[in-house]
């Protein structure tokens, strides 16, 4: 069952959506985007309930996951070079 509702969107957002999908597909697009976001938030909520994140347990990520991953990759590359140059 569908329900008509009133939602306020900025003029620019409506224009961008219409440019992408057309004005006749606006409701479908907004519905799909909302459903996708609801699923994402429910998944995050479920993960937090199963395994709550505690920053104290992960000091290596204090400066951001991307920086930590770059560090891991550099270490891996060094070890790989060391092993393959023997």
PDB file of N, CA and C in Angstrom:
ATOM      1  N   UNK A   1       0.844  -1.177   0.000  1.00  0.00           N
ATOM      2  CA  UNK A   1       0.000   0.000   0.000  1.00  0.00           C
ATOM      3  C   UNK A   1       0.889   1.240   0.000  1.00  0.00           C
ATOM      4  N   UNK A   2       0.607   2.179  -0.835  1.00  0.00           N
ATOM      5  CA  UNK A   2       1.344   3.434  -0.906  1.00  0.00           C
ATOM      6  C   UNK A   2       0.574   4.513  -0.175  1.00  0.00           C
ATOM      7  N   UNK A   3       1.318   5.472   0.346  1.00  0.00           N
ATOM      8  CA  UNK A   3       0.701   6.576   1.068  1.00  0.00           C
ATOM      9  C   UNK A   3       1.293   7.885   0.561  1.00  0.00           C
ATOM     10  N   UNK A   4       0.442   8.792   0.210  1.00  0.00           N
ATOM     11  CA  UNK A   4       0.887  10.107  -0.240  1.00  0.00           C
ATOM     12  C   UNK A   4       1.292  10.922   0.981  1.00  0.00           C
ATOM     13  N   UNK A   5       2.429  11.602   0.865  1.00  0.00           N
ATOM     14  CA  UNK A   5       2.913  12.412   1.983  1.00  0.00           C
ATOM     15  C   UNK A   5       3.534  13.695   1.449  1.00  0.00           C
ATOM     16  N   UNK A   6       3.752  14.617   2.334  1.00  0.00           N
ATOM     17  CA  UNK A   6       4.326  15.910   1.958  1.00  0.00           C
ATOM     18  C   UNK A   6       5.747  15.973   2.513  1.00  0.00           C
ATOM     19  N   UNK A   7       6.717  16.152   1.627  1.00  0.00           N
ATOM     20  CA  UNK A   7       8.120  16.236   2.019  1.00  0.00           C
ATOM     21  C   UNK A   7       8.694  17.505   1.416  1.00  0.00           C
ATOM     22  N   UNK A   8       9.444  18.249   2.207  1.00  0.00           N
ATOM     23  CA  UNK A   8      10.046  19.493   1.725  1.00  0.00           C
ATOM     24  C   UNK A   8      11.481  19.209   1.296  1.00  0.00           C
ATOM     25  N   UNK A   9      11.784  19.519   0.029  1.00  0.00           N
ATOM     26  CA  UNK A   9      13.116  19.341  -0.532  1.00  0.00           C
ATOM     27  C   UNK A   9      13.589  20.665  -1.109  1.00  0.00           C
ATOM     28  N   UNK A  10      14.892  20.860  -1.110  1.00  0.00           N
ATOM     29  CA  UNK A  10      15.413  22.093  -1.701  1.00  0.00           C
ATOM     30  C   UNK A  10      15.173  22.086  -3.207  1.00  0.00           C
ATOM     31  N   UNK A  11      15.081  23.271  -3.781  1.00  0.00           N
ATOM     32  CA  UNK A  11      14.880  23.391  -5.224  1.00  0.00           C
ATOM     33  C   UNK A  11      16.004  22.693  -5.986  1.00  0.00           C
ATOM     34  N   UNK A  12      17.237  22.858  -5.510  1.00  0.00           N
ATOM     35  CA  UNK A  12      18.380  22.259  -6.195  1.00  0.00           C
ATOM     36  C   UNK A  12      18.321  20.737  -6.158  1.00  0.00           C
ATOM     37  N   UNK A  13      17.906  20.171  -5.022  1.00  0.00           N
ATOM     38  CA  UNK A  13      17.797  18.711  -4.920  1.00  0.00           C
ATOM     39  C   UNK A  13      16.753  18.173  -5.886  1.00  0.00           C
ATOM     40  N   UNK A  14      15.607  18.829  -5.958  1.00  0.00           N
ATOM     41  CA  UNK A  14      14.552  18.409  -6.893  1.00  0.00           C
ATOM     42  C   UNK A  14      15.057  18.503  -8.328  1.00  0.00           C
ATOM     43  N   UNK A  15      15.741  19.573  -8.640  1.00  0.00           N
ATOM     44  CA  UNK A  15      16.282  19.756  -9.991  1.00  0.00           C
ATOM     45  C   UNK A  15      17.283  18.642 -10.319  1.00  0.00           C
ATOM     46  N   UNK A  16      18.167  18.323  -9.370  1.00  0.00           N
ATOM     47  CA  UNK A  16      19.169  17.269  -9.593  1.00  0.00           C
ATOM     48  C   UNK A  16      18.514  15.906  -9.788  1.00  0.00           C
ATOM     49  N   UNK A  17      17.512  15.612  -8.981  1.00  0.00           N
ATOM     50  CA  UNK A  17      16.796  14.336  -9.117  1.00  0.00           C
ATOM     51  C   UNK A  17      16.092  14.263 -10.466  1.00  0.00           C
ATOM     52  N   UNK A  18      15.403  15.341 -10.823  1.00  0.00           N
ATOM     53  CA  UNK A  18      14.681  15.368 -12.100  1.00  0.00           C
ATOM     54  C   UNK A  18      15.636  15.236 -13.285  1.00  0.00           C
ATOM     55  N   UNK A  19      16.791  15.845 -13.192  1.00  0.00           N
ATOM     56  CA  UNK A  19      17.783  15.740 -14.265  1.00  0.00           C
ATOM     57  C   UNK A  19      18.263  14.299 -14.399  1.00  0.00           C
ATOM     58  N   UNK A  20      18.417  13.631 -13.280  1.00  0.00           N
ATOM     59  CA  UNK A  20      18.933  12.264 -13.284  1.00  0.00           C
ATOM     60  C   UNK A  20      17.889  11.242 -13.722  1.00  0.00           C
ATOM     61  N   UNK A  21      16.674  11.333 -13.152  1.00  0.00           N
ATOM     62  CA  UNK A  21      15.677  10.281 -13.397  1.00  0.00           C
ATOM     63  C   UNK A  21      14.403  10.773 -14.056  1.00  0.00           C
ATOM     64  N   UNK A  22      14.221  12.069 -14.159  1.00  0.00           N
ATOM     65  CA  UNK A  22      12.994  12.613 -14.733  1.00  0.00           C
ATOM     66  C   UNK A  22      11.951  12.866 -13.650  1.00  0.00           C
ATOM     67  N   UNK A  23      11.111  13.851 -13.877  1.00  0.00           N
ATOM     68  CA  UNK A  23      10.135  14.248 -12.860  1.00  0.00           C
ATOM     69  C   UNK A  23       9.102  13.155 -12.588  1.00  0.00           C
ATOM     70  N   UNK A  24       8.815  12.322 -13.574  1.00  0.00           N
ATOM     71  CA  UNK A  24       7.811  11.266 -13.382  1.00  0.00           C
ATOM     72  C   UNK A  24       8.348  10.081 -12.567  1.00  0.00           C
ATOM     73  N   UNK A  25       9.658  10.044 -12.375  1.00  0.00           N
ATOM     74  CA  UNK A  25      10.270   8.970 -11.583  1.00  0.00           C
ATOM     75  C   UNK A  25      10.791   9.472 -10.239  1.00  0.00           C
ATOM     76  N   UNK A  26      10.486  10.693  -9.894  1.00  0.00           N
ATOM     77  CA  UNK A  26      10.988  11.308  -8.663  1.00  0.00           C
ATOM     78  C   UNK A  26      10.571  10.510  -7.434  1.00  0.00           C
ATOM     79  N   UNK A  27       9.307  10.165  -7.316  1.00  0.00           N
ATOM     80  CA  UNK A  27       8.827   9.428  -6.137  1.00  0.00           C
ATOM     81  C   UNK A  27       9.504   8.068  -6.007  1.00  0.00           C
ATOM     82  N   UNK A  28       9.662   7.395  -7.138  1.00  0.00           N
ATOM     83  CA  UNK A  28      10.326   6.087  -7.126  1.00  0.00           C
ATOM     84  C   UNK A  28      11.761   6.244  -6.641  1.00  0.00           C
ATOM     85  N   UNK A  29      12.456   7.239  -7.165  1.00  0.00           N
ATOM     86  CA  UNK A  29      13.843   7.480  -6.788  1.00  0.00           C
ATOM     87  C   UNK A  29      13.965   7.789  -5.296  1.00  0.00           C
ATOM     88  N   UNK A  30      13.125   8.673  -4.804  1.00  0.00           N
ATOM     89  CA  UNK A  30      13.183   9.056  -3.390  1.00  0.00           C
ATOM     90  C   UNK A  30      12.826   7.860  -2.507  1.00  0.00           C
ATOM     91  N   UNK A  31      11.854   7.068  -2.922  1.00  0.00           N
ATOM     92  CA  UNK A  31      11.481   5.866  -2.162  1.00  0.00           C
ATOM     93  C   UNK A  31      12.653   4.895  -2.093  1.00  0.00           C
ATOM     94  N   UNK A  32      13.302   4.646  -3.231  1.00  0.00           N
ATOM     95  CA  UNK A  32      14.443   3.722  -3.250  1.00  0.00           C
ATOM     96  C   UNK A  32      15.595   4.249  -2.395  1.00  0.00           C
ATOM     97  N   UNK A  33      15.857   5.545  -2.480  1.00  0.00           N
ATOM     98  CA  UNK A  33      16.940   6.135  -1.688  1.00  0.00           C
ATOM     99  C   UNK A  33      16.637   6.023  -0.195  1.00  0.00           C
ATOM    100  N   UNK A  34      15.394   6.268   0.191  1.00  0.00           N
ATOM    101  CA  UNK A  34      15.007   6.169   1.600  1.00  0.00           C
ATOM    102  C   UNK A  34      15.094   4.727   2.089  1.00  0.00           C
ATOM    103  N   UNK A  35      14.644   3.778   1.269  1.00  0.00           N
ATOM    104  CA  UNK A  35      14.717   2.359   1.648  1.00  0.00           C
ATOM    105  C   UNK A  35      16.169   1.913   1.814  1.00  0.00           C
ATOM    106  N   UNK A  36      17.017   2.362   0.916  1.00  0.00           N
ATOM    107  CA  UNK A  36      18.440   2.011   0.988  1.00  0.00           C
ATOM    108  C   UNK A  36      19.070   2.571   2.267  1.00  0.00           C
ATOM    109  N   UNK A  37      18.759   3.811   2.586  1.00  0.00           N
ATOM    110  CA  UNK A  37      19.306   4.434   3.797  1.00  0.00           C
ATOM    111  C   UNK A  37      18.768   3.771   5.054  1.00  0.00           C
ATOM    112  N   UNK A  38      17.493   3.415   5.062  1.00  0.00           N
ATOM    113  CA  UNK A  38      16.922   2.698   6.208  1.00  0.00           C
ATOM    114  C   UNK A  38      17.622   1.359   6.420  1.00  0.00           C
ATOM    115  N   UNK A  39      17.870   0.635   5.342  1.00  0.00           N
ATOM    116  CA  UNK A  39      18.562  -0.649   5.449  1.00  0.00           C
ATOM    117  C   UNK A  39      19.973  -0.452   6.008  1.00  0.00           C
ATOM    118  N   UNK A  40      20.680   0.562   5.498  1.00  0.00           N
ATOM    119  CA  UNK A  40      22.036   0.840   5.957  1.00  0.00           C
ATOM    120  C   UNK A  40      22.051   1.160   7.453  1.00  0.00           C
ATOM    121  N   UNK A  41      21.126   1.995   7.880  1.00  0.00           N
ATOM    122  CA  UNK A  41      21.077   2.373   9.304  1.00  0.00           C
ATOM    123  C   UNK A  41      20.674   1.199  10.188  1.00  0.00           C
ATOM    124  N   UNK A  42      19.766   0.363   9.713  1.00  0.00           N
ATOM    125  CA  UNK A  42      19.380  -0.827  10.491  1.00  0.00           C
ATOM    126  C   UNK A  42      20.555  -1.789  10.621  1.00  0.00           C
ATOM    127  N   UNK A  43      21.320  -1.936   9.551  1.00  0.00           N
ATOM    128  CA  UNK A  43      22.494  -2.803   9.607  1.00  0.00           C
ATOM    129  C   UNK A  43      23.526  -2.264  10.592  1.00  0.00           C
ATOM    130  N   UNK A  44      23.777  -0.960  10.553  1.00  0.00           N
ATOM    131  CA  UNK A  44      24.710  -0.355  11.504  1.00  0.00           C
ATOM    132  C   UNK A  44      24.223  -0.526  12.943  1.00  0.00           C
ATOM    133  N   UNK A  45      22.935  -0.341  13.145  1.00  0.00           N
ATOM    134  CA  UNK A  45      22.358  -0.506  14.475  1.00  0.00           C
ATOM    135  C   UNK A  45      22.513  -1.950  14.953  1.00  0.00           C
ATOM    136  N   UNK A  46      22.261  -2.905  14.079  1.00  0.00           N
ATOM    137  CA  UNK A  46      22.406  -4.320  14.439  1.00  0.00           C
ATOM    138  C   UNK A  46      23.862  -4.645  14.759  1.00  0.00           C
ATOM    139  N   UNK A  47      24.786  -4.125  13.960  1.00  0.00           N
ATOM    140  CA  UNK A  47      26.206  -4.362  14.237  1.00  0.00           C
ATOM    141  C   UNK A  47      26.615  -3.776  15.578  1.00  0.00           C
ATOM    142  N   UNK A  48      26.142  -2.579  15.868  1.00  0.00           N
ATOM    143  CA  UNK A  48      26.479  -1.949  17.142  1.00  0.00           C
ATOM    144  C   UNK A  48      25.917  -2.722  18.316  1.00  0.00           C
ATOM    145  N   UNK A  49      24.773  -3.349  18.140  1.00  0.00           N
ATOM    146  CA  UNK A  49      24.199  -4.146  19.218  1.00  0.00           C
ATOM    147  C   UNK A  49      24.979  -5.441  19.410  1.00  0.00           C
ATOM    148  N   UNK A  50      25.454  -6.028  18.305  1.00  0.00           N
ATOM    149  CA  UNK A  50      26.212  -7.277  18.398  1.00  0.00           C
ATOM    150  C   UNK A  50      27.637  -7.045  18.884  1.00  0.00           C
ATOM    151  N   UNK A  51      28.293  -6.066  18.294  1.00  0.00           N
ATOM    152  CA  UNK A  51      29.685  -5.775  18.615  1.00  0.00           C
ATOM    153  C   UNK A  51      29.832  -4.265  18.772  1.00  0.00           C
ATOM    154  N   UNK A  52      29.578  -3.765  19.970  1.00  0.00           N
ATOM    155  CA  UNK A  52      29.698  -2.316  20.152  1.00  0.00           C
ATOM    156  C   UNK A  52      31.144  -1.850  19.927  1.00  0.00           C
ATOM    157  N   UNK A  53      31.306  -0.776  19.198  1.00  0.00           N
ATOM    158  CA  UNK A  53      32.623  -0.239  18.885  1.00  0.00           C
ATOM    159  C   UNK A  53      33.105   0.595  20.060  1.00  0.00           C
ATOM    160  N   UNK A  54      34.313   0.299  20.480  1.00  0.00           N
ATOM    161  CA  UNK A  54      34.914   1.070  21.557  1.00  0.00           C
ATOM    162  C   UNK A  54      36.260   1.563  21.059  1.00  0.00           C
ATOM    163  N   UNK A  55      36.408   2.880  20.950  1.00  0.00           N
ATOM    164  CA  UNK A  55      37.637   3.453  20.405  1.00  0.00           C
ATOM    165  C   UNK A  55      38.858   3.108  21.249  1.00  0.00           C
ATOM    166  N   UNK A  56      38.662   2.876  22.538  1.00  0.00           N
ATOM    167  CA  UNK A  56      39.793   2.509  23.399  1.00  0.00           C
ATOM    168  C   UNK A  56      40.402   1.182  22.961  1.00  0.00           C
ATOM    169  N   UNK A  57      39.590   0.308  22.380  1.00  0.00           N
ATOM    170  CA  UNK A  57      40.074  -0.996  21.937  1.00  0.00           C
ATOM    171  C   UNK A  57      40.850  -0.927  20.624  1.00  0.00           C
ATOM    172  N   UNK A  58      40.823   0.220  19.960  1.00  0.00           N
ATOM    173  CA  UNK A  58      41.450   0.353  18.641  1.00  0.00           C
ATOM    174  C   UNK A  58      42.264   1.644  18.548  1.00  0.00           C
ATOM    175  N   UNK A  59      43.312   1.768  19.359  1.00  0.00           N
ATOM    176  CA  UNK A  59      44.101   3.012  19.326  1.00  0.00           C
ATOM    177  C   UNK A  59      44.804   3.227  17.985  1.00  0.00           C
ATOM    178  N   UNK A  60      45.038   2.143  17.238  1.00  0.00           N
ATOM    179  CA  UNK A  60      45.704   2.260  15.940  1.00  0.00           C
ATOM    180  C   UNK A  60      44.855   3.031  14.926  1.00  0.00           C
ATOM    181  N   UNK A  61      43.567   3.139  15.181  1.00  0.00           N
ATOM    182  CA  UNK A  61      42.674   3.844  14.257  1.00  0.00           C
ATOM    183  C   UNK A  61      42.388   5.282  14.684  1.00  0.00           C
ATOM    184  N   UNK A  62      43.089   5.742  15.704  1.00  0.00           N
ATOM    185  CA  UNK A  62      42.814   7.080  16.239  1.00  0.00           C
ATOM    186  C   UNK A  62      42.958   8.177  15.178  1.00  0.00           C
ATOM    187  N   UNK A  63      43.909   8.001  14.276  1.00  0.00           N
ATOM    188  CA  UNK A  63      44.118   9.019  13.237  1.00  0.00           C
ATOM    189  C   UNK A  63      43.400   8.679  11.940  1.00  0.00           C
ATOM    190  N   UNK A  64      42.494   7.728  12.012  1.00  0.00           N
ATOM    191  CA  UNK A  64      41.682   7.387  10.847  1.00  0.00           C
ATOM    192  C   UNK A  64      42.060   6.042  10.255  1.00  0.00           C
ATOM    193  N   UNK A  65      41.057   5.347   9.767  1.00  0.00           N
ATOM    194  CA  UNK A  65      41.258   4.017   9.196  1.00  0.00           C
ATOM    195  C   UNK A  65      42.101   4.085   7.923  1.00  0.00           C
ATOM    196  N   UNK A  66      41.914   5.111   7.111  1.00  0.00           N
ATOM    197  CA  UNK A  66      42.652   5.212   5.854  1.00  0.00           C
ATOM    198  C   UNK A  66      44.154   5.308   6.117  1.00  0.00           C
ATOM    199  N   UNK A  67      44.535   6.091   7.104  1.00  0.00           N
ATOM    200  CA  UNK A  67      45.951   6.231   7.441  1.00  0.00           C
ATOM    201  C   UNK A  67      46.505   4.902   7.952  1.00  0.00           C
ATOM    202  N   UNK A  68      45.734   4.202   8.752  1.00  0.00           N
ATOM    203  CA  UNK A  68      46.158   2.913   9.279  1.00  0.00           C
ATOM    204  C   UNK A  68      46.320   1.883   8.159  1.00  0.00           C
ATOM    205  N   UNK A  69      45.398   1.871   7.224  1.00  0.00           N
ATOM    206  CA  UNK A  69      45.474   0.927   6.098  1.00  0.00           C
ATOM    207  C   UNK A  69      46.693   1.240   5.239  1.00  0.00           C
ATOM    208  N   UNK A  70      46.978   2.523   4.988  1.00  0.00           N
ATOM    209  CA  UNK A  70      48.172   2.893   4.219  1.00  0.00           C
ATOM    210  C   UNK A  70      49.431   2.390   4.912  1.00  0.00           C
ATOM    211  N   UNK A  71      49.477   2.525   6.227  1.00  0.00           N
ATOM    212  CA  UNK A  71      50.626   2.049   6.999  1.00  0.00           C
ATOM    213  C   UNK A  71      50.772   0.532   6.848  1.00  0.00           C
ATOM    214  N   UNK A  72      49.673  -0.196   6.962  1.00  0.00           N
ATOM    215  CA  UNK A  72      49.721  -1.653   6.802  1.00  0.00           C
ATOM    216  C   UNK A  72      50.217  -2.045   5.412  1.00  0.00           C
ATOM    217  N   UNK A  73      49.757  -1.333   4.401  1.00  0.00           N
ATOM    218  CA  UNK A  73      50.172  -1.648   3.031  1.00  0.00           C
ATOM    219  C   UNK A  73      51.656  -1.377   2.824  1.00  0.00           C
ATOM    220  N   UNK A  74      52.159  -0.271   3.396  1.00  0.00           N
ATOM    221  CA  UNK A  74      53.586   0.018   3.288  1.00  0.00           C
ATOM    222  C   UNK A  74      54.405  -1.073   3.958  1.00  0.00           C
ATOM    223  N   UNK A  75      53.970  -1.504   5.141  1.00  0.00           N
ATOM    224  CA  UNK A  75      54.676  -2.579   5.848  1.00  0.00           C
ATOM    225  C   UNK A  75      54.649  -3.867   5.030  1.00  0.00           C
ATOM    226  N   UNK A  76      53.513  -4.173   4.449  1.00  0.00           N
ATOM    227  CA  UNK A  76      53.391  -5.373   3.622  1.00  0.00           C
ATOM    228  C   UNK A  76      54.337  -5.281   2.425  1.00  0.00           C
ATOM    229  N   UNK A  77      54.356  -4.122   1.764  1.00  0.00           N
ATOM    230  CA  UNK A  77      55.230  -3.950   0.605  1.00  0.00           C
ATOM    231  C   UNK A  77      56.692  -4.125   0.984  1.00  0.00           C
ATOM    232  N   UNK A  78      57.100  -3.602   2.137  1.00  0.00           N
ATOM    233  CA  UNK A  78      58.486  -3.756   2.596  1.00  0.00           C
ATOM    234  C   UNK A  78      58.819  -5.224   2.847  1.00  0.00           C
ATOM    235  N   UNK A  79      57.917  -5.919   3.526  1.00  0.00           N
ATOM    236  CA  UNK A  79      58.158  -7.340   3.797  1.00  0.00           C
ATOM    237  C   UNK A  79      58.201  -8.145   2.500  1.00  0.00           C
ATOM    238  N   UNK A  80      57.318  -7.815   1.581  1.00  0.00           N
ATOM    239  CA  UNK A  80      57.275  -8.520   0.303  1.00  0.00           C
ATOM    240  C   UNK A  80      58.588  -8.328  -0.456  1.00  0.00           C
ATOM    241  N   UNK A  81      59.077  -7.096  -0.530  1.00  0.00           N
ATOM    242  CA  UNK A  81      60.349  -6.823  -1.208  1.00  0.00           C
ATOM    243  C   UNK A  81      61.485  -7.585  -0.537  1.00  0.00           C
ATOM    244  N   UNK A  82      61.487  -7.593   0.786  1.00  0.00           N
ATOM    245  CA  UNK A  82      62.539  -8.271   1.534  1.00  0.00           C
ATOM    246  C   UNK A  82      62.543  -9.773   1.229  1.00  0.00           C
ATOM    247  N   UNK A  83      61.382 -10.365   1.168  1.00  0.00           N
ATOM    248  CA  UNK A  83      61.259 -11.809   0.923  1.00  0.00           C
ATOM    249  C   UNK A  83      61.596 -12.149  -0.523  1.00  0.00           C
ATOM    250  N   UNK A  84      61.203 -11.315  -1.455  1.00  0.00           N
ATOM    251  CA  UNK A  84      61.392 -11.644  -2.874  1.00  0.00           C
ATOM    252  C   UNK A  84      62.776 -11.274  -3.394  1.00  0.00           C
ATOM    253  N   UNK A  85      63.565 -10.517  -2.646  1.00  0.00           N
ATOM    254  CA  UNK A  85      64.897 -10.140  -3.119  1.00  0.00           C
ATOM    255  C   UNK A  85      65.981 -11.045  -2.574  1.00  0.00           C
ATOM    256  N   UNK A  86      65.637 -12.098  -1.922  1.00  0.00           N
ATOM    257  CA  UNK A  86      66.633 -13.034  -1.368  1.00  0.00           C
ATOM    258  C   UNK A  86      67.237 -13.878  -2.437  1.00  0.00           C
TER     259      UNK A  86
END
